[in-house]
């Protein structure tokens, strides 16, 4: 019973920390604020985590694990590298839309200058390798692997920021993130990919990760 209670407390603390780190960043977060968000005592928090950095690392690992799990569901080989790129990008932006731990992992990686393994290293090497092995005839005109990698990286970075604004500051998101009425970053990214890649991600069927673009 005691172990189950400890496990529940650990889970509650990590979930609360993910939201606070995501919203306020590393410097704007204190252990006291996380304990309050988890509705538990500071003593209970420090029993499980001896420092803010320890807790941040744990949240980062949770976000990375969720990212690896989602990307593993994307078929390694689809009809074209462009279709794979669309699925890959929408999987990432979908995670950023819905998972505070993933957003926190991305933010903490940047703010704390974490060296690999970090959130970006969970997906960027796979993206580069898949595009690098593509034949030029399989890519859009004038596109090359480096440019497509940059496209995805910029879309993911922008989606992270917009997903955070939509979650915590919806009034600002209306101005900062989109001139459209989109309810998610994935909706925006799907339209951008259609425009840039001249492809049409399906909105009628489930995404390979279970998300709907």
C-alpha atoms as a PDB file:
ATOM      1  CA  UNK A   1       0.000   0.000   0.000  1.00  0.00           C
ATOM      2  CA  UNK A   2       2.798   2.409   0.911  1.00  0.00           C
ATOM      3  CA  UNK A   3       4.585   1.711  -2.371  1.00  0.00           C
ATOM      4  CA  UNK A   4       1.401   2.336  -4.355  1.00  0.00           C
ATOM      5  CA  UNK A   5       0.861   5.612  -2.528  1.00  0.00           C
ATOM      6  CA  UNK A   6       4.451   6.649  -3.210  1.00  0.00           C
ATOM      7  CA  UNK A   7       4.063   5.773  -6.889  1.00  0.00           C
ATOM      8  CA  UNK A   8       0.873   7.845  -7.116  1.00  0.00           C
ATOM      9  CA  UNK A   9       2.583  10.781  -5.453  1.00  0.00           C
ATOM     10  CA  UNK A  10       5.551  10.497  -7.828  1.00  0.00           C
ATOM     11  CA  UNK A  11       3.197  10.468 -10.825  1.00  0.00           C
ATOM     12  CA  UNK A  12       1.239  13.451  -9.545  1.00  0.00           C
ATOM     13  CA  UNK A  13       4.429  15.425  -8.948  1.00  0.00           C
ATOM     14  CA  UNK A  14       5.848  14.709 -12.398  1.00  0.00           C
ATOM     15  CA  UNK A  15       2.574  15.632 -14.111  1.00  0.00           C
ATOM     16  CA  UNK A  16       2.308  18.858 -12.129  1.00  0.00           C
ATOM     17  CA  UNK A  17       5.960  19.705 -12.785  1.00  0.00           C
ATOM     18  CA  UNK A  18       5.477  19.153 -16.521  1.00  0.00           C
ATOM     19  CA  UNK A  19       2.707  21.746 -16.614  1.00  0.00           C
ATOM     20  CA  UNK A  20       4.579  24.279 -14.492  1.00  0.00           C
ATOM     21  CA  UNK A  21       7.877  23.902 -16.392  1.00  0.00           C
ATOM     22  CA  UNK A  22       5.954  24.088 -19.665  1.00  0.00           C
ATOM     23  CA  UNK A  23       4.106  27.247 -18.687  1.00  0.00           C
ATOM     24  CA  UNK A  24       6.751  29.123 -16.711  1.00  0.00           C
ATOM     25  CA  UNK A  25      10.108  27.736 -17.863  1.00  0.00           C
ATOM     26  CA  UNK A  26      12.949  26.544 -15.679  1.00  0.00           C
ATOM     27  CA  UNK A  27      13.861  29.872 -14.104  1.00  0.00           C
ATOM     28  CA  UNK A  28      10.228  30.775 -13.475  1.00  0.00           C
ATOM     29  CA  UNK A  29       9.551  27.533 -11.623  1.00  0.00           C
ATOM     30  CA  UNK A  30      10.157  26.727  -7.971  1.00  0.00           C
ATOM     31  CA  UNK A  31       9.750  23.494  -6.057  1.00  0.00           C
ATOM     32  CA  UNK A  32       7.212  25.252  -3.849  1.00  0.00           C
ATOM     33  CA  UNK A  33       5.105  26.152  -6.858  1.00  0.00           C
ATOM     34  CA  UNK A  34       5.238  22.578  -8.144  1.00  0.00           C
ATOM     35  CA  UNK A  35       4.233  21.195  -4.740  1.00  0.00           C
ATOM     36  CA  UNK A  36       1.279  23.585  -4.697  1.00  0.00           C
ATOM     37  CA  UNK A  37       0.265  22.536  -8.227  1.00  0.00           C
ATOM     38  CA  UNK A  38       0.443  18.885  -7.158  1.00  0.00           C
ATOM     39  CA  UNK A  39      -1.549  19.662  -3.985  1.00  0.00           C
ATOM     40  CA  UNK A  40       1.096  18.050  -1.832  1.00  0.00           C
ATOM     41  CA  UNK A  41       3.742  19.152   0.643  1.00  0.00           C
ATOM     42  CA  UNK A  42       7.214  20.378  -0.164  1.00  0.00           C
ATOM     43  CA  UNK A  43       8.524  17.585   2.037  1.00  0.00           C
ATOM     44  CA  UNK A  44       6.769  14.975  -0.085  1.00  0.00           C
ATOM     45  CA  UNK A  45       8.284  16.521  -3.196  1.00  0.00           C
ATOM     46  CA  UNK A  46      11.834  16.592  -1.854  1.00  0.00           C
ATOM     47  CA  UNK A  47      11.447  12.996  -0.687  1.00  0.00           C
ATOM     48  CA  UNK A  48      11.131  11.984  -4.346  1.00  0.00           C
ATOM     49  CA  UNK A  49      13.266  14.682  -5.973  1.00  0.00           C
ATOM     50  CA  UNK A  50      16.269  16.201  -4.259  1.00  0.00           C
ATOM     51  CA  UNK A  51      16.506  19.247  -6.543  1.00  0.00           C
ATOM     52  CA  UNK A  52      14.701  21.227  -9.207  1.00  0.00           C
ATOM     53  CA  UNK A  53      17.216  19.970 -11.765  1.00  0.00           C
ATOM     54  CA  UNK A  54      16.448  16.356 -10.835  1.00  0.00           C
ATOM     55  CA  UNK A  55      12.744  16.986 -11.343  1.00  0.00           C
ATOM     56  CA  UNK A  56      13.362  18.821 -14.614  1.00  0.00           C
ATOM     57  CA  UNK A  57      15.437  15.917 -15.914  1.00  0.00           C
ATOM     58  CA  UNK A  58      12.664  13.500 -15.002  1.00  0.00           C
ATOM     59  CA  UNK A  59      10.085  15.589 -16.857  1.00  0.00           C
ATOM     60  CA  UNK A  60      12.443  15.765 -19.840  1.00  0.00           C
ATOM     61  CA  UNK A  61      12.819  11.995 -19.858  1.00  0.00           C
ATOM     62  CA  UNK A  62       9.031  11.580 -19.723  1.00  0.00           C
ATOM     63  CA  UNK A  63       8.608  13.877 -22.722  1.00  0.00           C
ATOM     64  CA  UNK A  64      11.305  12.072 -24.678  1.00  0.00           C
ATOM     65  CA  UNK A  65       9.775   8.681 -23.924  1.00  0.00           C
ATOM     66  CA  UNK A  66       6.350   9.845 -25.106  1.00  0.00           C
ATOM     67  CA  UNK A  67       7.925  11.188 -28.294  1.00  0.00           C
ATOM     68  CA  UNK A  68       9.818   7.979 -29.050  1.00  0.00           C
ATOM     69  CA  UNK A  69       6.686   5.930 -28.448  1.00  0.00           C
ATOM     70  CA  UNK A  70       4.556   8.021 -30.810  1.00  0.00           C
ATOM     71  CA  UNK A  71       7.146   8.104 -33.585  1.00  0.00           C
ATOM     72  CA  UNK A  72       7.651   4.349 -33.353  1.00  0.00           C
ATOM     73  CA  UNK A  73       4.066   3.913 -34.543  1.00  0.00           C
ATOM     74  CA  UNK A  74       4.762   5.613 -37.874  1.00  0.00           C
ATOM     75  CA  UNK A  75       5.408   3.020 -40.609  1.00  0.00           C
ATOM     76  CA  UNK A  76       9.096   3.080 -41.474  1.00  0.00           C
ATOM     77  CA  UNK A  77       8.353   2.787 -45.161  1.00  0.00           C
ATOM     78  CA  UNK A  78       5.465   4.571 -46.805  1.00  0.00           C
ATOM     79  CA  UNK A  79       4.777   5.159 -50.475  1.00  0.00           C
ATOM     80  CA  UNK A  80       7.024   8.195 -50.578  1.00  0.00           C
ATOM     81  CA  UNK A  81       9.380  10.106 -48.288  1.00  0.00           C
ATOM     82  CA  UNK A  82       7.033  13.084 -48.549  1.00  0.00           C
ATOM     83  CA  UNK A  83       4.168  11.071 -47.058  1.00  0.00           C
ATOM     84  CA  UNK A  84       6.502   9.882 -44.315  1.00  0.00           C
ATOM     85  CA  UNK A  85       7.614  13.471 -43.657  1.00  0.00           C
ATOM     86  CA  UNK A  86       4.008  14.600 -43.322  1.00  0.00           C
ATOM     87  CA  UNK A  87       3.192  11.801 -40.879  1.00  0.00           C
ATOM     88  CA  UNK A  88       6.364  12.459 -38.915  1.00  0.00           C
ATOM     89  CA  UNK A  89       5.796  16.211 -38.641  1.00  0.00           C
ATOM     90  CA  UNK A  90       2.129  15.876 -37.703  1.00  0.00           C
ATOM     91  CA  UNK A  91       3.006  13.298 -35.053  1.00  0.00           C
ATOM     92  CA  UNK A  92       5.398  15.752 -33.436  1.00  0.00           C
ATOM     93  CA  UNK A  93       3.067  18.730 -33.624  1.00  0.00           C
ATOM     94  CA  UNK A  94       0.175  16.620 -32.351  1.00  0.00           C
ATOM     95  CA  UNK A  95       2.208  15.630 -29.321  1.00  0.00           C
ATOM     96  CA  UNK A  96       3.080  19.257 -28.670  1.00  0.00           C
ATOM     97  CA  UNK A  97      -0.603  20.157 -28.881  1.00  0.00           C
ATOM     98  CA  UNK A  98      -1.709  17.665 -26.268  1.00  0.00           C
ATOM     99  CA  UNK A  99       1.172  16.667 -23.974  1.00  0.00           C
ATOM    100  CA  UNK A 100       2.636  19.159 -21.461  1.00  0.00           C
ATOM    101  CA  UNK A 101       5.571  16.815 -20.762  1.00  0.00           C
ATOM    102  CA  UNK A 102       6.585  16.896 -24.426  1.00  0.00           C
ATOM    103  CA  UNK A 103       6.358  20.685 -24.552  1.00  0.00           C
ATOM    104  CA  UNK A 104       8.269  20.927 -21.281  1.00  0.00           C
ATOM    105  CA  UNK A 105      10.977  18.590 -22.589  1.00  0.00           C
ATOM    106  CA  UNK A 106      11.418  20.793 -25.649  1.00  0.00           C
ATOM    107  CA  UNK A 107      11.497  23.992 -23.598  1.00  0.00           C
ATOM    108  CA  UNK A 108      13.868  22.631 -20.962  1.00  0.00           C
ATOM    109  CA  UNK A 109      16.225  21.315 -23.649  1.00  0.00           C
ATOM    110  CA  UNK A 110      16.565  24.831 -25.038  1.00  0.00           C
ATOM    111  CA  UNK A 111      16.660  26.731 -21.777  1.00  0.00           C
ATOM    112  CA  UNK A 112      19.139  24.449 -20.030  1.00  0.00           C
ATOM    113  CA  UNK A 113      21.163  23.745 -23.182  1.00  0.00           C
ATOM    114  CA  UNK A 114      20.927  20.013 -22.573  1.00  0.00           C
ATOM    115  CA  UNK A 115      23.345  18.064 -24.726  1.00  0.00           C
ATOM    116  CA  UNK A 116      22.121  14.826 -26.340  1.00  0.00           C
ATOM    117  CA  UNK A 117      20.327  12.754 -25.339  1.00  0.00           C
ATOM    118  CA  UNK A 118      17.637  15.434 -25.216  1.00  0.00           C
ATOM    119  CA  UNK A 119      14.249  16.061 -26.771  1.00  0.00           C
ATOM    120  CA  UNK A 120      15.597  17.128 -30.156  1.00  0.00           C
ATOM    121  CA  UNK A 121      17.884  14.121 -30.385  1.00  0.00           C
ATOM    122  CA  UNK A 122      14.857  11.831 -30.024  1.00  0.00           C
ATOM    123  CA  UNK A 123      13.663  12.800 -33.510  1.00  0.00           C
ATOM    124  CA  UNK A 124      16.082  14.932 -35.547  1.00  0.00           C
ATOM    125  CA  UNK A 125      18.573  12.133 -36.398  1.00  0.00           C
ATOM    126  CA  UNK A 126      15.716   9.927 -37.650  1.00  0.00           C
ATOM    127  CA  UNK A 127      14.397  12.761 -39.794  1.00  0.00           C
ATOM    128  CA  UNK A 128      17.801  13.510 -41.312  1.00  0.00           C
ATOM    129  CA  UNK A 129      18.576   9.857 -42.021  1.00  0.00           C
ATOM    130  CA  UNK A 130      15.205   9.111 -43.664  1.00  0.00           C
ATOM    131  CA  UNK A 131      15.393  12.120 -45.955  1.00  0.00           C
ATOM    132  CA  UNK A 132      19.077  11.594 -46.772  1.00  0.00           C
ATOM    133  CA  UNK A 133      18.356   8.151 -48.189  1.00  0.00           C
ATOM    134  CA  UNK A 134      15.593   9.467 -50.468  1.00  0.00           C
ATOM    135  CA  UNK A 135      16.174   9.675 -54.196  1.00  0.00           C
ATOM    136  CA  UNK A 136      15.881  13.246 -55.552  1.00  0.00           C
ATOM    137  CA  UNK A 137      13.043  12.152 -57.823  1.00  0.00           C
ATOM    138  CA  UNK A 138      10.991  11.278 -54.729  1.00  0.00           C
ATOM    139  CA  UNK A 139      11.185  14.806 -53.336  1.00  0.00           C
ATOM    140  CA  UNK A 140       9.279  17.934 -54.396  1.00  0.00           C
ATOM    141  CA  UNK A 141      10.900  20.052 -57.120  1.00  0.00           C
ATOM    142  CA  UNK A 142      13.830  22.117 -55.837  1.00  0.00           C
ATOM    143  CA  UNK A 143      13.616  20.417 -52.443  1.00  0.00           C
ATOM    144  CA  UNK A 144      16.561  18.683 -50.820  1.00  0.00           C
ATOM    145  CA  UNK A 145      16.947  16.759 -47.534  1.00  0.00           C
ATOM    146  CA  UNK A 146      18.611  19.653 -45.706  1.00  0.00           C
ATOM    147  CA  UNK A 147      15.839  22.083 -46.659  1.00  0.00           C
ATOM    148  CA  UNK A 148      13.079  19.632 -45.730  1.00  0.00           C
ATOM    149  CA  UNK A 149      14.785  18.954 -42.410  1.00  0.00           C
ATOM    150  CA  UNK A 150      14.916  22.692 -41.743  1.00  0.00           C
ATOM    151  CA  UNK A 151      11.242  23.018 -42.725  1.00  0.00           C
ATOM    152  CA  UNK A 152      10.190  20.388 -40.206  1.00  0.00           C
ATOM    153  CA  UNK A 153      12.411  21.810 -37.470  1.00  0.00           C
ATOM    154  CA  UNK A 154      10.960  25.298 -37.920  1.00  0.00           C
ATOM    155  CA  UNK A 155       7.389  24.000 -37.994  1.00  0.00           C
ATOM    156  CA  UNK A 156       7.979  22.003 -34.825  1.00  0.00           C
ATOM    157  CA  UNK A 157       9.579  24.960 -33.026  1.00  0.00           C
ATOM    158  CA  UNK A 158       6.713  27.239 -33.995  1.00  0.00           C
ATOM    159  CA  UNK A 159       4.148  24.625 -33.019  1.00  0.00           C
ATOM    160  CA  UNK A 160       5.687  24.264 -29.581  1.00  0.00           C
ATOM    161  CA  UNK A 161       5.288  27.978 -28.901  1.00  0.00           C
ATOM    162  CA  UNK A 162       1.775  28.182 -30.326  1.00  0.00           C
ATOM    163  CA  UNK A 163       0.575  25.067 -28.511  1.00  0.00           C
ATOM    164  CA  UNK A 164       1.785  26.585 -25.245  1.00  0.00           C
ATOM    165  CA  UNK A 165       0.052  29.882 -25.981  1.00  0.00           C
ATOM    166  CA  UNK A 166      -3.186  28.129 -26.906  1.00  0.00           C
ATOM    167  CA  UNK A 167      -3.082  26.146 -23.662  1.00  0.00           C
ATOM    168  CA  UNK A 168      -2.188  28.861 -21.172  1.00  0.00           C
ATOM    169  CA  UNK A 169      -2.762  32.173 -22.958  1.00  0.00           C
ATOM    170  CA  UNK A 170      -5.581  31.700 -25.497  1.00  0.00           C
ATOM    171  CA  UNK A 171      -6.191  35.434 -25.743  1.00  0.00           C
ATOM    172  CA  UNK A 172      -2.575  36.012 -26.849  1.00  0.00           C
ATOM    173  CA  UNK A 173      -2.586  33.013 -29.155  1.00  0.00           C
ATOM    174  CA  UNK A 174      -5.287  34.593 -31.275  1.00  0.00           C
ATOM    175  CA  UNK A 175      -2.811  37.324 -32.190  1.00  0.00           C
ATOM    176  CA  UNK A 176       0.558  35.587 -31.969  1.00  0.00           C
ATOM    177  CA  UNK A 177      -0.026  32.182 -33.514  1.00  0.00           C
ATOM    178  CA  UNK A 178      -2.610  32.174 -36.205  1.00  0.00           C
ATOM    179  CA  UNK A 179      -4.781  34.414 -38.270  1.00  0.00           C
ATOM    180  CA  UNK A 180      -7.073  31.428 -38.803  1.00  0.00           C
ATOM    181  CA  UNK A 181      -9.571  29.870 -36.428  1.00  0.00           C
ATOM    182  CA  UNK A 182      -7.486  26.725 -35.957  1.00  0.00           C
ATOM    183  CA  UNK A 183      -7.886  24.949 -32.658  1.00  0.00           C
ATOM    184  CA  UNK A 184      -4.483  23.269 -32.824  1.00  0.00           C
ATOM    185  CA  UNK A 185      -0.998  23.688 -34.201  1.00  0.00           C
ATOM    186  CA  UNK A 186      -1.420  20.458 -36.155  1.00  0.00           C
ATOM    187  CA  UNK A 187      -4.268  22.034 -38.114  1.00  0.00           C
ATOM    188  CA  UNK A 188      -2.012  24.922 -39.087  1.00  0.00           C
ATOM    189  CA  UNK A 189       0.914  22.641 -39.918  1.00  0.00           C
ATOM    190  CA  UNK A 190      -1.262  20.370 -42.055  1.00  0.00           C
ATOM    191  CA  UNK A 191      -2.283  23.342 -44.212  1.00  0.00           C
ATOM    192  CA  UNK A 192       1.308  24.600 -44.431  1.00  0.00           C
ATOM    193  CA  UNK A 193       2.548  21.189 -45.545  1.00  0.00           C
ATOM    194  CA  UNK A 194      -0.163  20.976 -48.188  1.00  0.00           C
ATOM    195  CA  UNK A 195       0.891  24.368 -49.492  1.00  0.00           C
ATOM    196  CA  UNK A 196       4.650  23.822 -49.391  1.00  0.00           C
ATOM    197  CA  UNK A 197       4.829  20.168 -50.391  1.00  0.00           C
ATOM    198  CA  UNK A 198       1.794  20.094 -52.660  1.00  0.00           C
ATOM    199  CA  UNK A 199       0.481  17.099 -50.779  1.00  0.00           C
ATOM    200  CA  UNK A 200      -2.799  16.490 -49.017  1.00  0.00           C
ATOM    201  CA  UNK A 201      -2.616  14.902 -45.566  1.00  0.00           C
ATOM    202  CA  UNK A 202      -5.884  13.079 -45.019  1.00  0.00           C
ATOM    203  CA  UNK A 203      -8.207  14.575 -42.429  1.00  0.00           C
ATOM    204  CA  UNK A 204     -10.718  11.747 -42.764  1.00  0.00           C
ATOM    205  CA  UNK A 205      -8.680   8.873 -41.362  1.00  0.00           C
ATOM    206  CA  UNK A 206      -6.773   8.414 -38.166  1.00  0.00           C
ATOM    207  CA  UNK A 207      -3.167   9.491 -38.065  1.00  0.00           C
ATOM    208  CA  UNK A 208      -0.672   6.620 -37.543  1.00  0.00           C
ATOM    209  CA  UNK A 209      -0.136   7.850 -33.971  1.00  0.00           C
ATOM    210  CA  UNK A 210      -3.834   7.981 -33.248  1.00  0.00           C
ATOM    211  CA  UNK A 211      -3.932  11.733 -33.780  1.00  0.00           C
ATOM    212  CA  UNK A 212      -6.052  13.524 -36.315  1.00  0.00           C
ATOM    213  CA  UNK A 213      -4.109  16.055 -38.404  1.00  0.00           C
END
